[in-house]
C-alpha atoms as a PDB file:
ATOM      1  CA  UNK A   1      -0.059  -0.115   0.059  1.00  0.00           C
ATOM      2  CA  UNK A   2       0.955   3.661  -0.892  1.00  0.00           C
ATOM      3  CA  UNK A   3       0.308   6.917   0.343  1.00  0.00           C
ATOM      4  CA  UNK A   4      -2.657   8.342  -1.899  1.00  0.00           C
ATOM      5  CA  UNK A   5      -2.208  12.269  -2.460  1.00  0.00           C
ATOM      6  CA  UNK A   6      -5.637  14.011  -2.170  1.00  0.00           C
ATOM      7  CA  UNK A   7      -5.743  16.811  -4.975  1.00  0.00           C
ATOM      8  CA  UNK A   8      -6.809  20.035  -2.936  1.00  0.00           C
ATOM      9  CA  UNK A   9     -10.220  21.145  -2.671  1.00  0.00           C
ATOM     10  CA  UNK A  10     -11.161  17.889  -2.962  1.00  0.00           C
ATOM     11  CA  UNK A  11     -12.875  15.597  -0.992  1.00  0.00           C
ATOM     12  CA  UNK A  12     -11.144  12.253   0.224  1.00  0.00           C
ATOM     13  CA  UNK A  13     -13.070   9.169   1.630  1.00  0.00           C
ATOM     14  CA  UNK A  14     -12.752   8.007   5.401  1.00  0.00           C
ATOM     15  CA  UNK A  15     -11.487   5.044   4.125  1.00  0.00           C
ATOM     16  CA  UNK A  16      -8.951   6.843   1.923  1.00  0.00           C
ATOM     17  CA  UNK A  17      -7.663   8.663   4.663  1.00  0.00           C
ATOM     18  CA  UNK A  18      -7.595   6.348   6.659  1.00  0.00           C
ATOM     19  CA  UNK A  19      -5.306   3.884   4.478  1.00  0.00           C
ATOM     20  CA  UNK A  20      -2.866   6.922   4.253  1.00  0.00           C
ATOM     21  CA  UNK A  21      -2.549   6.846   8.092  1.00  0.00           C
ATOM     22  CA  UNK A  22      -2.591   3.257   8.234  1.00  0.00           C
ATOM     23  CA  UNK A  23       0.189   3.357   5.555  1.00  0.00           C
ATOM     24  CA  UNK A  24       2.179   5.713   7.232  1.00  0.00           C
ATOM     25  CA  UNK A  25       1.715   4.468  11.005  1.00  0.00           C
ATOM     26  CA  UNK A  26       3.603   1.241   9.213  1.00  0.00           C
ATOM     27  CA  UNK A  27       5.946   3.194   7.363  1.00  0.00           C
ATOM     28  CA  UNK A  28       7.272   5.059  11.080  1.00  0.00           C
ATOM     29  CA  UNK A  29       6.831   1.685  12.605  1.00  0.00           C
ATOM     30  CA  UNK A  30       9.316  -0.067  10.187  1.00  0.00           C
ATOM     31  CA  UNK A  31      11.941   3.129  10.222  1.00  0.00           C
ATOM     32  CA  UNK A  32      11.484   2.885  14.025  1.00  0.00           C
ATOM     33  CA  UNK A  33      12.790  -1.209  13.461  1.00  0.00           C
ATOM     34  CA  UNK A  34      15.234  -0.213  11.293  1.00  0.00           C
ATOM     35  CA  UNK A  35      16.584   2.717  13.378  1.00  0.00           C
ATOM     36  CA  UNK A  36      16.809   0.190  16.563  1.00  0.00           C
ATOM     37  CA  UNK A  37      18.675  -2.323  15.029  1.00  0.00           C
ATOM     38  CA  UNK A  38      21.190   0.277  13.979  1.00  0.00           C
ATOM     39  CA  UNK A  39      21.615   1.712  17.528  1.00  0.00           C
ATOM     40  CA  UNK A  40      22.224  -2.134  18.529  1.00  0.00           C
ATOM     41  CA  UNK A  41      24.690  -2.750  15.751  1.00  0.00           C
ATOM     42  CA  UNK A  42      26.281   0.352  16.643  1.00  0.00           C
ATOM     43  CA  UNK A  43      26.888  -0.325  20.331  1.00  0.00           C
ATOM     44  CA  UNK A  44      28.396  -3.899  19.809  1.00  0.00           C
ATOM     45  CA  UNK A  45      30.924  -2.898  16.806  1.00  0.00           C
ATOM     46  CA  UNK A  46      31.666  -0.058  19.515  1.00  0.00           C
ATOM     47  CA  UNK A  47      32.350  -2.587  21.943  1.00  0.00           C
ATOM     48  CA  UNK A  48      34.123  -5.211  19.918  1.00  0.00           C
ATOM     49  CA  UNK A  49      36.156  -1.805  19.048  1.00  0.00           C
ATOM     50  CA  UNK A  50      37.178  -0.941  22.585  1.00  0.00           C
ATOM     51  CA  UNK A  51      38.272  -4.460  23.448  1.00  0.00           C
ATOM     52  CA  UNK A  52      40.004  -4.468  20.482  1.00  0.00           C
ATOM     53  CA  UNK A  53      41.677  -1.834  21.409  1.00  0.00           C
ATOM     54  CA  UNK A  54      42.460  -3.433  25.032  1.00  0.00           C
ATOM     55  CA  UNK A  55      43.994  -6.412  23.104  1.00  0.00           C
ATOM     56  CA  UNK A  56      46.208  -4.227  21.239  1.00  0.00           C
ATOM     57  CA  UNK A  57      47.530  -2.427  24.387  1.00  0.00           C
ATOM     58  CA  UNK A  58      48.282  -5.666  26.194  1.00  0.00           C
ATOM     59  CA  UNK A  59      49.996  -6.599  22.668  1.00  0.00           C
ATOM     60  CA  UNK A  60      52.286  -3.525  23.030  1.00  0.00           C
ATOM     61  CA  UNK A  61      53.324  -4.075  26.539  1.00  0.00           C
ATOM     62  CA  UNK A  62      54.060  -7.406  26.551  1.00  0.00           C
ATOM     63  CA  UNK A  63      56.720  -6.459  23.801  1.00  0.00           C
END
């Protein structure tokens, strides 16, 4: 489903408006889920980089 444009000055049916709002809500939900997944990935990558930096530091200290 896609948001349907309503021409200026025209009368829109409640079905058309409800479908547009439903589609918009679905798009917002999908975007929210993608943002959440990306946030988790960033957090995981940041932790992994910090651990790798610690390991490198430890190795440099043993040389």
